[in-house]
Amino acid sequence: ASVNKKHIITSAIEHPAVMQPCLQL
């Protein structure tokens, strides 16, 4: 839903339910 943005930040200890959507992006 963001406009003209293409960067996200997460941490190295996230659950796969967070890390995998980030990797999909």
mmCIF file of all heavy atoms, coordinates in Angstrom:
data_MODEL
# 
_entry.id   MODEL 
# 
loop_
_atom_site.group_PDB 
_atom_site.id 
_atom_site.type_symbol 
_atom_site.label_atom_id 
_atom_site.label_alt_id 
_atom_site.label_comp_id 
_atom_site.label_asym_id 
_atom_site.label_entity_id 
_atom_site.label_seq_id 
_atom_site.pdbx_PDB_ins_code 
_atom_site.Cartn_x 
_atom_site.Cartn_y 
_atom_site.Cartn_z 
_atom_site.occupancy 
_atom_site.B_iso_or_equiv 
_atom_site.pdbx_formal_charge 
_atom_site.auth_seq_id 
_atom_site.auth_comp_id 
_atom_site.auth_asym_id 
_atom_site.auth_atom_id 
_atom_site.pdbx_PDB_model_num 
ATOM 1   N N   . ALA A 1 1  ? 0.816  -1.213  0.000  1.00 0.00 ? 1  ALA A N   1 
ATOM 2   C CA  . ALA A 1 1  ? 0.000  0.000   0.000  1.00 0.00 ? 1  ALA A CA  1 
ATOM 3   C C   . ALA A 1 1  ? 0.850  1.264   0.000  1.00 0.00 ? 1  ALA A C   1 
ATOM 4   O O   . ALA A 1 1  ? 0.327  2.366   -0.158 1.00 0.00 ? 1  ALA A O   1 
ATOM 5   C CB  . ALA A 1 1  ? -0.928 0.011   1.221  1.00 0.00 ? 1  ALA A CB  1 
ATOM 6   N N   . SER A 1 2  ? 2.160  1.104   0.197  1.00 0.00 ? 2  SER A N   1 
ATOM 7   C CA  . SER A 1 2  ? 3.041  2.273   0.231  1.00 0.00 ? 2  SER A CA  1 
ATOM 8   C C   . SER A 1 2  ? 3.221  2.833   -1.177 1.00 0.00 ? 2  SER A C   1 
ATOM 9   O O   . SER A 1 2  ? 3.077  2.125   -2.178 1.00 0.00 ? 2  SER A O   1 
ATOM 10  C CB  . SER A 1 2  ? 4.402  1.898   0.815  1.00 0.00 ? 2  SER A CB  1 
ATOM 11  O OG  . SER A 1 2  ? 5.038  0.943   -0.016 1.00 0.00 ? 2  SER A OG  1 
ATOM 12  N N   . VAL A 1 3  ? 3.546  4.093   -1.233 1.00 0.00 ? 3  VAL A N   1 
ATOM 13  C CA  . VAL A 1 3  ? 3.712  4.787   -2.520 1.00 0.00 ? 3  VAL A CA  1 
ATOM 14  C C   . VAL A 1 3  ? 5.174  5.189   -2.696 1.00 0.00 ? 3  VAL A C   1 
ATOM 15  O O   . VAL A 1 3  ? 5.744  5.876   -1.848 1.00 0.00 ? 3  VAL A O   1 
ATOM 16  C CB  . VAL A 1 3  ? 2.810  6.039   -2.590 1.00 0.00 ? 3  VAL A CB  1 
ATOM 17  C CG1 . VAL A 1 3  ? 3.015  6.765   -3.917 1.00 0.00 ? 3  VAL A CG1 1 
ATOM 18  C CG2 . VAL A 1 3  ? 1.351  5.652   -2.397 1.00 0.00 ? 3  VAL A CG2 1 
ATOM 19  N N   . ASN A 1 4  ? 5.774  4.715   -3.777 1.00 0.00 ? 4  ASN A N   1 
ATOM 20  C CA  . ASN A 1 4  ? 7.157  5.076   -4.126 1.00 0.00 ? 4  ASN A CA  1 
ATOM 21  C C   . ASN A 1 4  ? 8.170  4.681   -3.046 1.00 0.00 ? 4  ASN A C   1 
ATOM 22  O O   . ASN A 1 4  ? 9.163  5.376   -2.832 1.00 0.00 ? 4  ASN A O   1 
ATOM 23  C CB  . ASN A 1 4  ? 7.268  6.577   -4.421 1.00 0.00 ? 4  ASN A CB  1 
ATOM 24  C CG  . ASN A 1 4  ? 6.408  7.000   -5.587 1.00 0.00 ? 4  ASN A CG  1 
ATOM 25  O OD1 . ASN A 1 4  ? 6.264  6.274   -6.569 1.00 0.00 ? 4  ASN A OD1 1 
ATOM 26  N ND2 . ASN A 1 4  ? 5.804  8.181   -5.486 1.00 0.00 ? 4  ASN A ND2 1 
ATOM 27  N N   . LYS A 1 5  ? 7.910  3.581   -2.371 1.00 0.00 ? 5  LYS A N   1 
ATOM 28  C CA  . LYS A 1 5  ? 8.850  3.068   -1.384 1.00 0.00 ? 5  LYS A CA  1 
ATOM 29  C C   . LYS A 1 5  ? 9.063  1.586   -1.635 1.00 0.00 ? 5  LYS A C   1 
ATOM 30  O O   . LYS A 1 5  ? 8.123  0.855   -1.932 1.00 0.00 ? 5  LYS A O   1 
ATOM 31  C CB  . LYS A 1 5  ? 8.344  3.303   0.036  1.00 0.00 ? 5  LYS A CB  1 
ATOM 32  C CG  . LYS A 1 5  ? 8.283  4.775   0.432  1.00 0.00 ? 5  LYS A CG  1 
ATOM 33  C CD  . LYS A 1 5  ? 7.915  4.944   1.894  1.00 0.00 ? 5  LYS A CD  1 
ATOM 34  C CE  . LYS A 1 5  ? 7.963  6.408   2.313  1.00 0.00 ? 5  LYS A CE  1 
ATOM 35  N NZ  . LYS A 1 5  ? 7.684  6.590   3.757  1.00 0.00 ? 5  LYS A NZ  1 
ATOM 36  N N   . LYS A 1 6  ? 10.309 1.133   -1.467 1.00 0.00 ? 6  LYS A N   1 
ATOM 37  C CA  . LYS A 1 6  ? 10.636 -0.258  -1.783 1.00 0.00 ? 6  LYS A CA  1 
ATOM 38  C C   . LYS A 1 6  ? 11.654 -0.848  -0.818 1.00 0.00 ? 6  LYS A C   1 
ATOM 39  O O   . LYS A 1 6  ? 12.486 -1.672  -1.194 1.00 0.00 ? 6  LYS A O   1 
ATOM 40  C CB  . LYS A 1 6  ? 11.175 -0.356  -3.222 1.00 0.00 ? 6  LYS A CB  1 
ATOM 41  C CG  . LYS A 1 6  ? 10.118 -0.374  -4.305 1.00 0.00 ? 6  LYS A CG  1 
ATOM 42  C CD  . LYS A 1 6  ? 9.442  -1.734  -4.392 1.00 0.00 ? 6  LYS A CD  1 
ATOM 43  C CE  . LYS A 1 6  ? 8.533  -1.830  -5.604 1.00 0.00 ? 6  LYS A CE  1 
ATOM 44  N NZ  . LYS A 1 6  ? 7.940  -3.173  -5.736 1.00 0.00 ? 6  LYS A NZ  1 
ATOM 45  N N   . HIS A 1 7  ? 11.577 -0.449  0.460  1.00 0.00 ? 7  HIS A N   1 
ATOM 46  C CA  . HIS A 1 7  ? 12.552 -0.939  1.436  1.00 0.00 ? 7  HIS A CA  1 
ATOM 47  C C   . HIS A 1 7  ? 11.843 -1.292  2.729  1.00 0.00 ? 7  HIS A C   1 
ATOM 48  O O   . HIS A 1 7  ? 10.979 -0.545  3.205  1.00 0.00 ? 7  HIS A O   1 
ATOM 49  C CB  . HIS A 1 7  ? 13.617 0.130   1.707  1.00 0.00 ? 7  HIS A CB  1 
ATOM 50  C CG  . HIS A 1 7  ? 14.619 -0.262  2.758  1.00 0.00 ? 7  HIS A CG  1 
ATOM 51  N ND1 . HIS A 1 7  ? 14.915 0.528   3.850  1.00 0.00 ? 7  HIS A ND1 1 
ATOM 52  C CD2 . HIS A 1 7  ? 15.403 -1.373  2.898  1.00 0.00 ? 7  HIS A CD2 1 
ATOM 53  C CE1 . HIS A 1 7  ? 15.828 -0.067  4.599  1.00 0.00 ? 7  HIS A CE1 1 
ATOM 54  N NE2 . HIS A 1 7  ? 16.139 -1.221  4.053  1.00 0.00 ? 7  HIS A NE2 1 
ATOM 55  N N   . ILE A 1 8  ? 12.184 -2.449  3.295  1.00 0.00 ? 8  ILE A N   1 
ATOM 56  C CA  . ILE A 1 8  ? 11.610 -2.879  4.574  1.00 0.00 ? 8  ILE A CA  1 
ATOM 57  C C   . ILE A 1 8  ? 12.735 -3.328  5.500  1.00 0.00 ? 8  ILE A C   1 
ATOM 58  O O   . ILE A 1 8  ? 13.819 -3.708  5.048  1.00 0.00 ? 8  ILE A O   1 
ATOM 59  C CB  . ILE A 1 8  ? 10.597 -4.026  4.391  1.00 0.00 ? 8  ILE A CB  1 
ATOM 60  C CG1 . ILE A 1 8  ? 11.200 -5.182  3.601  1.00 0.00 ? 8  ILE A CG1 1 
ATOM 61  C CG2 . ILE A 1 8  ? 9.321  -3.521  3.734  1.00 0.00 ? 8  ILE A CG2 1 
ATOM 62  C CD1 . ILE A 1 8  ? 10.310 -6.396  3.503  1.00 0.00 ? 8  ILE A CD1 1 
ATOM 63  N N   . ILE A 1 9  ? 12.452 -3.273  6.799  1.00 0.00 ? 9  ILE A N   1 
ATOM 64  C CA  . ILE A 1 9  ? 13.440 -3.634  7.814  1.00 0.00 ? 9  ILE A CA  1 
ATOM 65  C C   . ILE A 1 9  ? 12.822 -4.642  8.780  1.00 0.00 ? 9  ILE A C   1 
ATOM 66  O O   . ILE A 1 9  ? 11.675 -4.481  9.208  1.00 0.00 ? 9  ILE A O   1 
ATOM 67  C CB  . ILE A 1 9  ? 13.893 -2.396  8.610  1.00 0.00 ? 9  ILE A CB  1 
ATOM 68  C CG1 . ILE A 1 9  ? 14.575 -1.376  7.691  1.00 0.00 ? 9  ILE A CG1 1 
ATOM 69  C CG2 . ILE A 1 9  ? 14.835 -2.792  9.746  1.00 0.00 ? 9  ILE A CG2 1 
ATOM 70  C CD1 . ILE A 1 9  ? 14.923 -0.068  8.385  1.00 0.00 ? 9  ILE A CD1 1 
ATOM 71  N N   . THR A 1 10 ? 13.578 -5.667  9.120  1.00 0.00 ? 10 THR A N   1 
ATOM 72  C CA  . THR A 1 10 ? 13.162 -6.619  10.148 1.00 0.00 ? 10 THR A CA  1 
ATOM 73  C C   . THR A 1 10 ? 14.400 -7.027  10.944 1.00 0.00 ? 10 THR A C   1 
ATOM 74  O O   . THR A 1 10 ? 15.474 -6.437  10.777 1.00 0.00 ? 10 THR A O   1 
ATOM 75  C CB  . THR A 1 10 ? 12.443 -7.832  9.531  1.00 0.00 ? 10 THR A CB  1 
ATOM 76  O OG1 . THR A 1 10 ? 11.832 -8.600  10.559 1.00 0.00 ? 10 THR A OG1 1 
ATOM 77  C CG2 . THR A 1 10 ? 13.394 -8.712  8.731  1.00 0.00 ? 10 THR A CG2 1 
ATOM 78  N N   . SER A 1 11 ? 14.254 -8.010  11.841 1.00 0.00 ? 11 SER A N   1 
ATOM 79  C CA  . SER A 1 11 ? 15.402 -8.425  12.653 1.00 0.00 ? 11 SER A CA  1 
ATOM 80  C C   . SER A 1 11 ? 15.786 -9.873  12.355 1.00 0.00 ? 11 SER A C   1 
ATOM 81  O O   . SER A 1 11 ? 15.011 -10.629 11.762 1.00 0.00 ? 11 SER A O   1 
ATOM 82  C CB  . SER A 1 11 ? 15.088 -8.265  14.145 1.00 0.00 ? 11 SER A CB  1 
ATOM 83  O OG  . SER A 1 11 ? 14.414 -9.399  14.647 1.00 0.00 ? 11 SER A OG  1 
ATOM 84  N N   . ALA A 1 12 ? 16.961 -10.243 12.836 1.00 0.00 ? 12 ALA A N   1 
ATOM 85  C CA  . ALA A 1 12 ? 17.498 -11.578 12.560 1.00 0.00 ? 12 ALA A CA  1 
ATOM 86  C C   . ALA A 1 12 ? 16.844 -12.668 13.386 1.00 0.00 ? 12 ALA A C   1 
ATOM 87  O O   . ALA A 1 12 ? 17.098 -13.851 13.141 1.00 0.00 ? 12 ALA A O   1 
ATOM 88  C CB  . ALA A 1 12 ? 19.005 -11.587 12.819 1.00 0.00 ? 12 ALA A CB  1 
ATOM 89  N N   . ILE A 1 13 ? 15.999 -12.309 14.356 1.00 0.00 ? 13 ILE A N   1 
ATOM 90  C CA  . ILE A 1 13 ? 15.413 -13.337 15.226 1.00 0.00 ? 13 ILE A CA  1 
ATOM 91  C C   . ILE A 1 13 ? 13.898 -13.431 15.077 1.00 0.00 ? 13 ILE A C   1 
ATOM 92  O O   . ILE A 1 13 ? 13.208 -13.927 15.965 1.00 0.00 ? 13 ILE A O   1 
ATOM 93  C CB  . ILE A 1 13 ? 15.785 -13.093 16.708 1.00 0.00 ? 13 ILE A CB  1 
ATOM 94  C CG1 . ILE A 1 13 ? 15.285 -11.726 17.185 1.00 0.00 ? 13 ILE A CG1 1 
ATOM 95  C CG2 . ILE A 1 13 ? 17.285 -13.231 16.905 1.00 0.00 ? 13 ILE A CG2 1 
ATOM 96  C CD1 . ILE A 1 13 ? 15.408 -11.536 18.689 1.00 0.00 ? 13 ILE A CD1 1 
ATOM 97  N N   . GLU A 1 14 ? 13.377 -12.969 13.950 1.00 0.00 ? 14 GLU A N   1 
ATOM 98  C CA  . GLU A 1 14 ? 11.937 -13.024 13.753 1.00 0.00 ? 14 GLU A CA  1 
ATOM 99  C C   . GLU A 1 14 ? 11.445 -14.449 13.509 1.00 0.00 ? 14 GLU A C   1 
ATOM 100 O O   . GLU A 1 14 ? 12.184 -15.310 13.013 1.00 0.00 ? 14 GLU A O   1 
ATOM 101 C CB  . GLU A 1 14 ? 11.519 -12.145 12.563 1.00 0.00 ? 14 GLU A CB  1 
ATOM 102 C CG  . GLU A 1 14 ? 11.831 -10.677 12.744 1.00 0.00 ? 14 GLU A CG  1 
ATOM 103 C CD  . GLU A 1 14 ? 11.114 -10.058 13.929 1.00 0.00 ? 14 GLU A CD  1 
ATOM 104 O OE1 . GLU A 1 14 ? 9.895  -10.309 14.092 1.00 0.00 ? 14 GLU A OE1 1 
ATOM 105 O OE2 . GLU A 1 14 ? 11.765 -9.307  14.686 1.00 0.00 ? 14 GLU A OE2 1 
ATOM 106 N N   . HIS A 1 15 ? 10.193 -14.677 13.827 1.00 0.00 ? 15 HIS A N   1 
ATOM 107 C CA  . HIS A 1 15 ? 9.525  -15.944 13.518 1.00 0.00 ? 15 HIS A CA  1 
ATOM 108 C C   . HIS A 1 15 ? 9.407  -16.076 12.001 1.00 0.00 ? 15 HIS A C   1 
ATOM 109 O O   . HIS A 1 15 ? 9.324  -15.068 11.291 1.00 0.00 ? 15 HIS A O   1 
ATOM 110 C CB  . HIS A 1 15 ? 8.130  -15.929 14.163 1.00 0.00 ? 15 HIS A CB  1 
ATOM 111 C CG  . HIS A 1 15 ? 7.427  -17.246 14.143 1.00 0.00 ? 15 HIS A CG  1 
ATOM 112 N ND1 . HIS A 1 15 ? 6.742  -17.707 13.037 1.00 0.00 ? 15 HIS A ND1 1 
ATOM 113 C CD2 . HIS A 1 15 ? 7.281  -18.203 15.097 1.00 0.00 ? 15 HIS A CD2 1 
ATOM 114 C CE1 . HIS A 1 15 ? 6.209  -18.882 13.314 1.00 0.00 ? 15 HIS A CE1 1 
ATOM 115 N NE2 . HIS A 1 15 ? 6.527  -19.215 14.552 1.00 0.00 ? 15 HIS A NE2 1 
ATOM 116 N N   . PRO A 1 16 ? 9.405  -17.304 11.471 1.00 0.00 ? 16 PRO A N   1 
ATOM 117 C CA  . PRO A 1 16 ? 9.236  -17.473 10.025 1.00 0.00 ? 16 PRO A CA  1 
ATOM 118 C C   . PRO A 1 16 ? 7.988  -16.795 9.472  1.00 0.00 ? 16 PRO A C   1 
ATOM 119 O O   . PRO A 1 16 ? 7.963  -16.409 8.290  1.00 0.00 ? 16 PRO A O   1 
ATOM 120 C CB  . PRO A 1 16 ? 9.153  -18.999 9.863  1.00 0.00 ? 16 PRO A CB  1 
ATOM 121 C CG  . PRO A 1 16 ? 9.923  -19.539 11.014 1.00 0.00 ? 16 PRO A CG  1 
ATOM 122 C CD  . PRO A 1 16 ? 9.668  -18.599 12.151 1.00 0.00 ? 16 PRO A CD  1 
ATOM 123 N N   . ALA A 1 17 ? 6.956  -16.640 10.299 1.00 0.00 ? 17 ALA A N   1 
ATOM 124 C CA  . ALA A 1 17 ? 5.727  -15.990 9.835  1.00 0.00 ? 17 ALA A CA  1 
ATOM 125 C C   . ALA A 1 17 ? 5.939  -14.522 9.527  1.00 0.00 ? 17 ALA A C   1 
ATOM 126 O O   . ALA A 1 17 ? 5.107  -13.899 8.856  1.00 0.00 ? 17 ALA A O   1 
ATOM 127 C CB  . ALA A 1 17 ? 4.621  -16.138 10.885 1.00 0.00 ? 17 ALA A CB  1 
ATOM 128 N N   . VAL A 1 18 ? 7.039  -13.954 10.002 1.00 0.00 ? 18 VAL A N   1 
ATOM 129 C CA  . VAL A 1 18 ? 7.433  -12.588 9.638  1.00 0.00 ? 18 VAL A CA  1 
ATOM 130 C C   . VAL A 1 18 ? 8.529  -12.617 8.584  1.00 0.00 ? 18 VAL A C   1 
ATOM 131 O O   . VAL A 1 18 ? 8.471  -11.900 7.576  1.00 0.00 ? 18 VAL A O   1 
ATOM 132 C CB  . VAL A 1 18 ? 7.899  -11.802 10.877 1.00 0.00 ? 18 VAL A CB  1 
ATOM 133 C CG1 . VAL A 1 18 ? 8.663  -10.528 10.486 1.00 0.00 ? 18 VAL A CG1 1 
ATOM 134 C CG2 . VAL A 1 18 ? 6.712  -11.433 11.749 1.00 0.00 ? 18 VAL A CG2 1 
ATOM 135 N N   . MET A 1 19 ? 9.522  -13.447 8.797  1.00 0.00 ? 19 MET A N   1 
ATOM 136 C CA  . MET A 1 19 ? 10.657 -13.463 7.881  1.00 0.00 ? 19 MET A CA  1 
ATOM 137 C C   . MET A 1 19 ? 10.267 -13.883 6.468  1.00 0.00 ? 19 MET A C   1 
ATOM 138 O O   . MET A 1 19 ? 10.736 -13.295 5.476  1.00 0.00 ? 19 MET A O   1 
ATOM 139 C CB  . MET A 1 19 ? 11.748 -14.401 8.419  1.00 0.00 ? 19 MET A CB  1 
ATOM 140 C CG  . MET A 1 19 ? 13.044 -14.350 7.623  1.00 0.00 ? 19 MET A CG  1 
ATOM 141 S SD  . MET A 1 19 ? 13.798 -12.710 7.583  1.00 0.00 ? 19 MET A SD  1 
ATOM 142 C CE  . MET A 1 19 ? 14.370 -12.577 9.282  1.00 0.00 ? 19 MET A CE  1 
ATOM 143 N N   . GLN A 1 20 ? 9.401  -14.871 6.346  1.00 0.00 ? 20 GLN A N   1 
ATOM 144 C CA  . GLN A 1 20 ? 9.047  -15.352 5.014  1.00 0.00 ? 20 GLN A CA  1 
ATOM 145 C C   . GLN A 1 20 ? 8.262  -14.328 4.183  1.00 0.00 ? 20 GLN A C   1 
ATOM 146 O O   . GLN A 1 20 ? 8.539  -14.173 2.993  1.00 0.00 ? 20 GLN A O   1 
ATOM 147 C CB  . GLN A 1 20 ? 8.285  -16.679 5.117  1.00 0.00 ? 20 GLN A CB  1 
ATOM 148 C CG  . GLN A 1 20 ? 9.150  -17.852 5.562  1.00 0.00 ? 20 GLN A CG  1 
ATOM 149 C CD  . GLN A 1 20 ? 10.334 -18.079 4.640  1.00 0.00 ? 20 GLN A CD  1 
ATOM 150 O OE1 . GLN A 1 20 ? 10.214 -18.013 3.417  1.00 0.00 ? 20 GLN A OE1 1 
ATOM 151 N NE2 . GLN A 1 20 ? 11.495 -18.326 5.225  1.00 0.00 ? 20 GLN A NE2 1 
ATOM 152 N N   . PRO A 1 21 ? 7.283  -13.599 4.750  1.00 0.00 ? 21 PRO A N   1 
ATOM 153 C CA  . PRO A 1 21 ? 6.663  -12.522 3.969  1.00 0.00 ? 21 PRO A CA  1 
ATOM 154 C C   . PRO A 1 21 ? 7.668  -11.445 3.561  1.00 0.00 ? 21 PRO A C   1 
ATOM 155 O O   . PRO A 1 21 ? 7.584  -10.891 2.455  1.00 0.00 ? 21 PRO A O   1 
ATOM 156 C CB  . PRO A 1 21 ? 5.601  -11.960 4.911  1.00 0.00 ? 21 PRO A CB  1 
ATOM 157 C CG  . PRO A 1 21 ? 5.281  -13.076 5.835  1.00 0.00 ? 21 PRO A CG  1 
ATOM 158 C CD  . PRO A 1 21 ? 6.573  -13.832 6.013  1.00 0.00 ? 21 PRO A CD  1 
ATOM 159 N N   . CYS A 1 22 ? 8.642  -11.154 4.444  1.00 0.00 ? 22 CYS A N   1 
ATOM 160 C CA  . CYS A 1 22 ? 9.679  -10.185 4.092  1.00 0.00 ? 22 CYS A CA  1 
ATOM 161 C C   . CYS A 1 22 ? 10.518 -10.694 2.922  1.00 0.00 ? 22 CYS A C   1 
ATOM 162 O O   . CYS A 1 22 ? 10.852 -9.942  1.994  1.00 0.00 ? 22 CYS A O   1 
ATOM 163 C CB  . CYS A 1 22 ? 10.566 -9.895  5.297  1.00 0.00 ? 22 CYS A CB  1 
ATOM 164 S SG  . CYS A 1 22 ? 9.777  -8.945  6.602  1.00 0.00 ? 22 CYS A SG  1 
ATOM 165 N N   . LEU A 1 23 ? 10.862 -11.973 2.961  1.00 0.00 ? 23 LEU A N   1 
ATOM 166 C CA  . LEU A 1 23 ? 11.634 -12.556 1.866  1.00 0.00 ? 23 LEU A CA  1 
ATOM 167 C C   . LEU A 1 23 ? 10.824 -12.598 0.573  1.00 0.00 ? 23 LEU A C   1 
ATOM 168 O O   . LEU A 1 23 ? 11.380 -12.461 -0.525 1.00 0.00 ? 23 LEU A O   1 
ATOM 169 C CB  . LEU A 1 23 ? 12.103 -13.956 2.247  1.00 0.00 ? 23 LEU A CB  1 
ATOM 170 C CG  . LEU A 1 23 ? 13.153 -14.014 3.367  1.00 0.00 ? 23 LEU A CG  1 
ATOM 171 C CD1 . LEU A 1 23 ? 13.422 -15.455 3.781  1.00 0.00 ? 23 LEU A CD1 1 
ATOM 172 C CD2 . LEU A 1 23 ? 14.448 -13.338 2.927  1.00 0.00 ? 23 LEU A CD2 1 
ATOM 173 N N   . GLN A 1 24 ? 9.495  -12.760 0.691  1.00 0.00 ? 24 GLN A N   1 
ATOM 174 C CA  . GLN A 1 24 ? 8.659  -12.729 -0.500 1.00 0.00 ? 24 GLN A CA  1 
ATOM 175 C C   . GLN A 1 24 ? 8.698  -11.343 -1.140 1.00 0.00 ? 24 GLN A C   1 
ATOM 176 O O   . GLN A 1 24 ? 8.783  -11.216 -2.365 1.00 0.00 ? 24 GLN A O   1 
ATOM 177 C CB  . GLN A 1 24 ? 7.215  -13.106 -0.144 1.00 0.00 ? 24 GLN A CB  1 
ATOM 178 C CG  . GLN A 1 24 ? 6.228  -13.001 -1.310 1.00 0.00 ? 24 GLN A CG  1 
ATOM 179 C CD  . GLN A 1 24 ? 6.621  -13.852 -2.503 1.00 0.00 ? 24 GLN A CD  1 
ATOM 180 O OE1 . GLN A 1 24 ? 7.200  -14.929 -2.355 1.00 0.00 ? 24 GLN A OE1 1 
ATOM 181 N NE2 . GLN A 1 24 ? 6.307  -13.370 -3.703 1.00 0.00 ? 24 GLN A NE2 1 
ATOM 182 N N   . LEU A 1 25 ? 8.633  -10.312 -0.315 1.00 0.00 ? 25 LEU A N   1 
ATOM 183 C CA  . LEU A 1 25 ? 8.751  -8.956  -0.854 1.00 0.00 ? 25 LEU A CA  1 
ATOM 184 C C   . LEU A 1 25 ? 10.105 -8.753  -1.522 1.00 0.00 ? 25 LEU A C   1 
ATOM 185 O O   . LEU A 1 25 ? 10.203 -8.100  -2.567 1.00 0.00 ? 25 LEU A O   1 
ATOM 186 C CB  . LEU A 1 25 ? 8.543  -7.922  0.252  1.00 0.00 ? 25 LEU A CB  1 
ATOM 187 C CG  . LEU A 1 25 ? 7.104  -7.774  0.752  1.00 0.00 ? 25 LEU A CG  1 
ATOM 188 C CD1 . LEU A 1 25 ? 7.071  -6.882  1.982  1.00 0.00 ? 25 LEU A CD1 1 
ATOM 189 C CD2 . LEU A 1 25 ? 6.200  -7.193  -0.338 1.00 0.00 ? 25 LEU A CD2 1 
# 
